[in-house]
């Protein structure tokens, strides 16, 4: 009888702990993720400080810089680069390794 009572007490404690964990693990608010289709602009809700950007110097050369983007501005991701068809791609020939025995180098590249 005493063993059964201890088992029930432990079971109740485990259930209470699990209830607390499940409540606190869910968080205070709901987080919602929205996927934006490629090419669609988004409007910034808050300023973005120290955004890393490329800016042109006096010679027109791009140099790295940092800027604070104000709230309300629109941002747009760059479009992905289109890949050329395989028949039009240029393939660079690899230089033979002199230490490679398949190239026929007798001295092993020394």
N, C-alpha and C. Protein backbone atom coordinates (compact mmCIF):
# COMPACT_ATOMS: atom_id res chain seq x y z
N UNK A 1 0.82 -1.19 0.00
CA UNK A 1 0.00 0.00 0.00
C UNK A 1 0.86 1.26 0.00
N UNK A 2 1.93 1.25 0.82
CA UNK A 2 2.83 2.39 0.90
C UNK A 2 3.58 2.58 -0.42
N UNK A 3 3.96 1.51 -1.06
CA UNK A 3 4.66 1.56 -2.35
C UNK A 3 3.76 2.15 -3.43
N UNK A 4 2.50 1.77 -3.41
CA UNK A 4 1.54 2.27 -4.40
C UNK A 4 1.31 3.76 -4.21
N UNK A 5 1.27 4.21 -2.97
CA UNK A 5 1.06 5.63 -2.67
C UNK A 5 2.26 6.46 -3.14
N UNK A 6 3.48 5.95 -2.94
CA UNK A 6 4.68 6.65 -3.41
C UNK A 6 4.70 6.73 -4.94
N UNK A 7 4.29 5.64 -5.58
CA UNK A 7 4.25 5.62 -7.04
C UNK A 7 3.25 6.65 -7.57
N UNK A 8 2.10 6.77 -6.93
CA UNK A 8 1.12 7.76 -7.35
C UNK A 8 1.64 9.18 -7.12
N UNK A 9 2.35 9.41 -6.03
CA UNK A 9 2.90 10.73 -5.74
C UNK A 9 3.95 11.10 -6.79
N UNK A 10 4.82 10.16 -7.12
CA UNK A 10 5.84 10.43 -8.14
C UNK A 10 5.20 10.68 -9.51
N UNK A 11 4.18 9.92 -9.83
CA UNK A 11 3.49 10.10 -11.10
C UNK A 11 2.86 11.50 -11.17
N UNK A 12 2.27 11.95 -10.10
CA UNK A 12 1.67 13.29 -10.06
C UNK A 12 2.74 14.37 -10.23
N UNK A 13 3.90 14.17 -9.57
CA UNK A 13 4.98 15.15 -9.68
C UNK A 13 5.50 15.21 -11.12
N UNK A 14 5.64 14.06 -11.76
CA UNK A 14 6.11 14.03 -13.14
C UNK A 14 5.10 14.73 -14.05
N UNK A 15 3.82 14.50 -13.84
CA UNK A 15 2.80 15.14 -14.66
C UNK A 15 2.80 16.66 -14.47
N UNK A 16 2.98 17.12 -13.24
CA UNK A 16 3.03 18.56 -12.97
C UNK A 16 4.24 19.18 -13.65
N UNK A 17 5.41 18.53 -13.55
CA UNK A 17 6.62 19.05 -14.18
C UNK A 17 6.45 19.09 -15.69
N UNK A 18 5.89 18.05 -16.28
CA UNK A 18 5.68 18.02 -17.72
C UNK A 18 4.69 19.09 -18.16
N UNK A 19 3.68 19.36 -17.36
CA UNK A 19 2.73 20.41 -17.69
C UNK A 19 3.42 21.77 -17.70
N UNK A 20 4.26 22.05 -16.70
CA UNK A 20 5.00 23.31 -16.66
C UNK A 20 5.95 23.44 -17.85
N UNK A 21 6.64 22.36 -18.17
CA UNK A 21 7.58 22.39 -19.29
C UNK A 21 6.84 22.67 -20.59
N UNK A 22 5.71 22.03 -20.80
CA UNK A 22 4.97 22.24 -22.05
C UNK A 22 4.41 23.65 -22.15
N UNK A 23 4.01 24.24 -21.03
CA UNK A 23 3.49 25.61 -21.04
C UNK A 23 4.61 26.60 -21.32
N UNK A 24 5.75 26.44 -20.65
CA UNK A 24 6.84 27.39 -20.82
C UNK A 24 7.60 27.18 -22.12
N UNK A 25 7.59 25.98 -22.66
CA UNK A 25 8.28 25.73 -23.92
C UNK A 25 7.55 26.35 -25.10
N UNK A 26 6.26 26.58 -24.96
CA UNK A 26 5.49 27.15 -26.07
C UNK A 26 5.76 28.64 -26.24
N UNK A 27 6.31 29.31 -25.24
CA UNK A 27 6.64 30.72 -25.36
C UNK A 27 5.47 31.61 -24.99
N UNK A 28 5.77 32.91 -24.92
CA UNK A 28 4.75 33.87 -24.51
C UNK A 28 3.86 34.30 -25.67
N UNK A 29 4.45 34.44 -26.82
CA UNK A 29 3.67 34.90 -27.96
C UNK A 29 3.79 33.93 -29.10
N UNK A 30 3.00 34.18 -30.08
CA UNK A 30 3.06 33.31 -31.25
C UNK A 30 4.02 33.91 -32.26
N UNK A 31 4.87 33.07 -32.79
CA UNK A 31 5.81 33.49 -33.81
C UNK A 31 5.28 32.98 -35.14
N UNK A 32 5.26 33.86 -36.11
CA UNK A 32 4.73 33.48 -37.41
C UNK A 32 5.81 33.73 -38.45
N UNK A 33 6.07 32.75 -39.27
CA UNK A 33 7.04 32.89 -40.34
C UNK A 33 6.30 33.06 -41.65
N UNK A 34 6.68 34.10 -42.38
CA UNK A 34 6.05 34.37 -43.66
C UNK A 34 7.13 34.26 -44.74
N UNK A 35 6.88 33.43 -45.73
CA UNK A 35 7.83 33.27 -46.83
C UNK A 35 7.49 34.29 -47.91
N UNK A 36 8.49 35.06 -48.31
CA UNK A 36 8.30 36.07 -49.34
C UNK A 36 8.77 35.48 -50.66
N UNK A 37 7.95 35.54 -51.70
CA UNK A 37 8.38 35.00 -53.00
C UNK A 37 9.58 35.78 -53.54
N UNK A 38 10.46 35.12 -54.29
CA UNK A 38 11.61 35.82 -54.87
C UNK A 38 11.16 36.98 -55.75
N UNK A 39 11.86 38.09 -55.64
CA UNK A 39 11.54 39.26 -56.46
C UNK A 39 10.51 40.19 -55.84
N UNK A 40 9.96 39.84 -54.68
CA UNK A 40 8.97 40.68 -54.02
C UNK A 40 9.66 41.55 -52.97
N UNK A 41 9.37 42.86 -52.94
CA UNK A 41 9.99 43.72 -51.93
C UNK A 41 9.33 43.54 -50.56
N UNK A 42 10.09 43.83 -49.52
CA UNK A 42 9.54 43.84 -48.16
C UNK A 42 9.81 45.22 -47.56
N UNK A 43 8.95 45.66 -46.67
CA UNK A 43 9.10 46.96 -46.02
C UNK A 43 9.65 46.74 -44.62
N UNK A 44 10.68 47.49 -44.27
CA UNK A 44 11.34 47.33 -42.97
C UNK A 44 10.50 47.95 -41.86
N UNK A 45 10.27 47.21 -40.78
CA UNK A 45 9.51 47.71 -39.63
C UNK A 45 10.38 48.51 -38.69
N UNK A 46 11.65 48.14 -38.58
CA UNK A 46 12.58 48.79 -37.67
C UNK A 46 13.83 49.19 -38.44
N UNK A 47 14.57 50.19 -37.94
CA UNK A 47 15.82 50.54 -38.61
C UNK A 47 16.82 49.38 -38.50
N UNK A 48 17.59 49.21 -39.56
CA UNK A 48 18.64 48.19 -39.57
C UNK A 48 19.96 48.92 -39.42
N UNK A 49 20.60 48.75 -38.27
CA UNK A 49 21.85 49.44 -37.98
C UNK A 49 23.03 48.63 -38.49
N UNK A 50 24.03 49.35 -38.98
CA UNK A 50 25.28 48.76 -39.46
C UNK A 50 25.05 47.72 -40.55
N UNK A 51 24.16 48.02 -41.49
CA UNK A 51 23.94 47.13 -42.63
C UNK A 51 25.16 47.21 -43.53
N UNK A 52 25.72 46.08 -43.88
CA UNK A 52 26.91 46.06 -44.73
C UNK A 52 26.47 46.23 -46.18
N UNK A 53 27.01 47.27 -46.83
CA UNK A 53 26.64 47.61 -48.20
C UNK A 53 27.88 47.86 -49.04
N UNK A 54 27.70 47.85 -50.35
CA UNK A 54 28.74 48.26 -51.29
C UNK A 54 28.38 49.65 -51.77
N UNK A 55 29.33 50.58 -51.69
CA UNK A 55 29.11 51.95 -52.15
C UNK A 55 30.21 52.31 -53.14
N UNK A 56 29.91 53.26 -54.02
CA UNK A 56 30.89 53.70 -55.00
C UNK A 56 31.70 54.86 -54.43
N UNK A 57 33.03 54.79 -54.61
CA UNK A 57 33.87 55.90 -54.17
C UNK A 57 33.93 56.95 -55.29
N UNK A 58 34.80 57.95 -55.16
CA UNK A 58 34.83 59.05 -56.13
C UNK A 58 35.26 58.59 -57.52
N UNK A 59 35.96 57.45 -57.60
CA UNK A 59 36.39 56.92 -58.89
C UNK A 59 35.38 55.93 -59.48
N UNK A 60 34.30 55.66 -58.75
CA UNK A 60 33.29 54.72 -59.22
C UNK A 60 33.58 53.28 -58.84
N UNK A 61 34.64 53.06 -58.08
CA UNK A 61 35.00 51.71 -57.64
C UNK A 61 34.16 51.35 -56.42
N UNK A 62 33.65 50.11 -56.38
CA UNK A 62 32.84 49.68 -55.24
C UNK A 62 33.73 49.36 -54.05
N UNK A 63 33.38 49.93 -52.91
CA UNK A 63 34.10 49.69 -51.67
C UNK A 63 33.08 49.31 -50.59
N UNK A 64 33.50 48.50 -49.60
CA UNK A 64 32.56 48.13 -48.54
C UNK A 64 32.25 49.32 -47.64
N UNK A 65 31.03 49.33 -47.11
CA UNK A 65 30.62 50.38 -46.19
C UNK A 65 29.52 49.90 -45.27
N UNK A 66 29.17 50.71 -44.29
CA UNK A 66 28.08 50.41 -43.36
C UNK A 66 27.13 51.58 -43.33
N UNK A 67 25.84 51.28 -43.20
CA UNK A 67 24.83 52.32 -43.20
C UNK A 67 23.66 51.88 -42.32
N UNK A 68 22.93 52.84 -41.77
CA UNK A 68 21.69 52.53 -41.05
C UNK A 68 20.53 52.74 -42.01
N UNK A 69 19.79 51.68 -42.28
CA UNK A 69 18.65 51.75 -43.18
C UNK A 69 17.42 52.09 -42.33
N UNK A 70 16.75 53.22 -42.60
CA UNK A 70 15.62 53.63 -41.77
C UNK A 70 14.40 52.72 -41.92
N UNK A 71 13.57 52.73 -40.90
CA UNK A 71 12.31 51.99 -40.96
C UNK A 71 11.43 52.59 -42.05
N UNK A 72 10.66 51.75 -42.70
CA UNK A 72 9.76 52.21 -43.75
C UNK A 72 10.35 52.05 -45.14
N UNK A 73 11.66 51.86 -45.24
CA UNK A 73 12.27 51.65 -46.55
C UNK A 73 11.96 50.25 -47.03
N UNK A 74 12.02 50.08 -48.32
CA UNK A 74 11.78 48.77 -48.92
C UNK A 74 13.11 48.09 -49.22
N UNK A 75 13.12 46.77 -49.07
CA UNK A 75 14.30 45.97 -49.37
C UNK A 75 13.91 44.90 -50.37
N UNK A 76 14.84 44.60 -51.26
CA UNK A 76 14.60 43.60 -52.29
C UNK A 76 15.85 42.75 -52.44
N UNK A 77 15.67 41.45 -52.41
CA UNK A 77 16.81 40.55 -52.55
C UNK A 77 17.29 40.57 -53.99
N UNK A 78 18.60 40.39 -54.19
CA UNK A 78 19.09 40.35 -55.58
C UNK A 78 18.56 39.11 -56.29
N UNK A 79 18.35 39.26 -57.58
CA UNK A 79 17.87 38.12 -58.35
C UNK A 79 19.01 37.12 -58.52
N UNK A 80 18.69 35.83 -58.45
CA UNK A 80 19.75 34.83 -58.62
C UNK A 80 20.30 34.90 -60.04
N UNK A 81 21.60 34.65 -60.16
CA UNK A 81 22.23 34.67 -61.47
C UNK A 81 21.75 33.48 -62.29
N UNK A 82 21.39 33.76 -63.53
CA UNK A 82 20.93 32.69 -64.41
C UNK A 82 22.13 31.89 -64.87
N UNK A 83 22.02 30.58 -64.80
CA UNK A 83 23.11 29.72 -65.24
C UNK A 83 22.97 29.46 -66.74
N UNK A 84 24.10 29.49 -67.42
CA UNK A 84 24.11 29.20 -68.85
C UNK A 84 23.90 27.71 -69.05
N UNK A 85 23.32 27.33 -70.18
CA UNK A 85 23.18 25.90 -70.46
C UNK A 85 24.55 25.22 -70.48
N UNK A 86 24.56 23.94 -70.20
CA UNK A 86 25.83 23.21 -70.10
C UNK A 86 26.64 23.31 -71.38
N UNK A 87 25.98 23.40 -72.52
CA UNK A 87 26.71 23.47 -73.79
C UNK A 87 27.43 24.80 -73.96
N UNK A 88 26.98 25.86 -73.25
CA UNK A 88 27.58 27.18 -73.39
C UNK A 88 28.55 27.52 -72.27
N UNK A 89 28.65 26.67 -71.27
CA UNK A 89 29.53 26.96 -70.14
C UNK A 89 30.98 26.79 -70.56
N UNK A 90 31.82 27.68 -70.09
CA UNK A 90 33.25 27.58 -70.35
C UNK A 90 33.87 26.80 -69.20
N UNK A 91 34.62 25.80 -69.55
CA UNK A 91 35.28 24.97 -68.54
C UNK A 91 36.77 25.26 -68.61
N UNK A 92 37.34 25.60 -67.45
CA UNK A 92 38.77 25.85 -67.40
C UNK A 92 39.50 24.52 -67.28
N UNK A 93 40.53 24.38 -68.11
CA UNK A 93 41.33 23.16 -68.04
C UNK A 93 42.26 23.25 -66.85
N UNK A 94 42.33 22.18 -66.10
CA UNK A 94 43.19 22.14 -64.93
C UNK A 94 44.64 21.96 -65.38
N UNK A 95 45.56 22.63 -64.71
CA UNK A 95 46.98 22.47 -65.01
C UNK A 95 47.43 21.12 -64.47
N UNK A 96 48.25 20.42 -65.24
CA UNK A 96 48.72 19.12 -64.75
C UNK A 96 49.63 19.29 -63.55
N UNK A 97 49.50 18.40 -62.61
CA UNK A 97 50.32 18.40 -61.41
C UNK A 97 51.61 17.65 -61.72
N UNK A 98 52.79 18.31 -61.62
CA UNK A 98 54.03 17.61 -61.95
C UNK A 98 54.34 16.47 -61.00
N UNK A 99 53.79 16.47 -59.81
CA UNK A 99 54.07 15.39 -58.86
C UNK A 99 53.15 14.20 -59.09
N UNK A 100 52.19 14.33 -60.00
CA UNK A 100 51.24 13.26 -60.25
C UNK A 100 51.88 12.23 -61.17
N UNK A 101 51.91 10.94 -60.80
CA UNK A 101 52.54 9.93 -61.65
C UNK A 101 51.81 9.75 -62.98
N UNK A 102 50.54 10.15 -63.09
CA UNK A 102 49.79 9.99 -64.32
C UNK A 102 50.25 10.96 -65.40
N UNK A 103 50.87 12.08 -65.02
CA UNK A 103 51.31 13.08 -65.99
C UNK A 103 52.64 12.71 -66.63
N UNK A 104 53.32 11.74 -66.11
CA UNK A 104 54.57 11.29 -66.71
C UNK A 104 55.79 12.06 -66.23
N UNK A 105 55.65 12.82 -65.17
CA UNK A 105 56.79 13.56 -64.65
C UNK A 105 57.76 12.57 -64.00
N UNK A 106 59.00 12.54 -64.50
CA UNK A 106 59.98 11.57 -64.01
C UNK A 106 60.60 11.97 -62.68
N UNK A 107 60.73 13.29 -62.47
CA UNK A 107 61.42 13.72 -61.26
C UNK A 107 60.44 13.92 -60.09
N UNK A 108 59.17 13.68 -60.30
CA UNK A 108 58.20 13.82 -59.20
C UNK A 108 57.92 15.27 -58.87
N UNK A 109 58.23 16.18 -59.79
CA UNK A 109 57.92 17.58 -59.58
C UNK A 109 58.98 18.34 -58.82
N UNK A 110 60.14 17.75 -58.64
CA UNK A 110 61.21 18.44 -57.91
C UNK A 110 62.08 19.23 -58.84
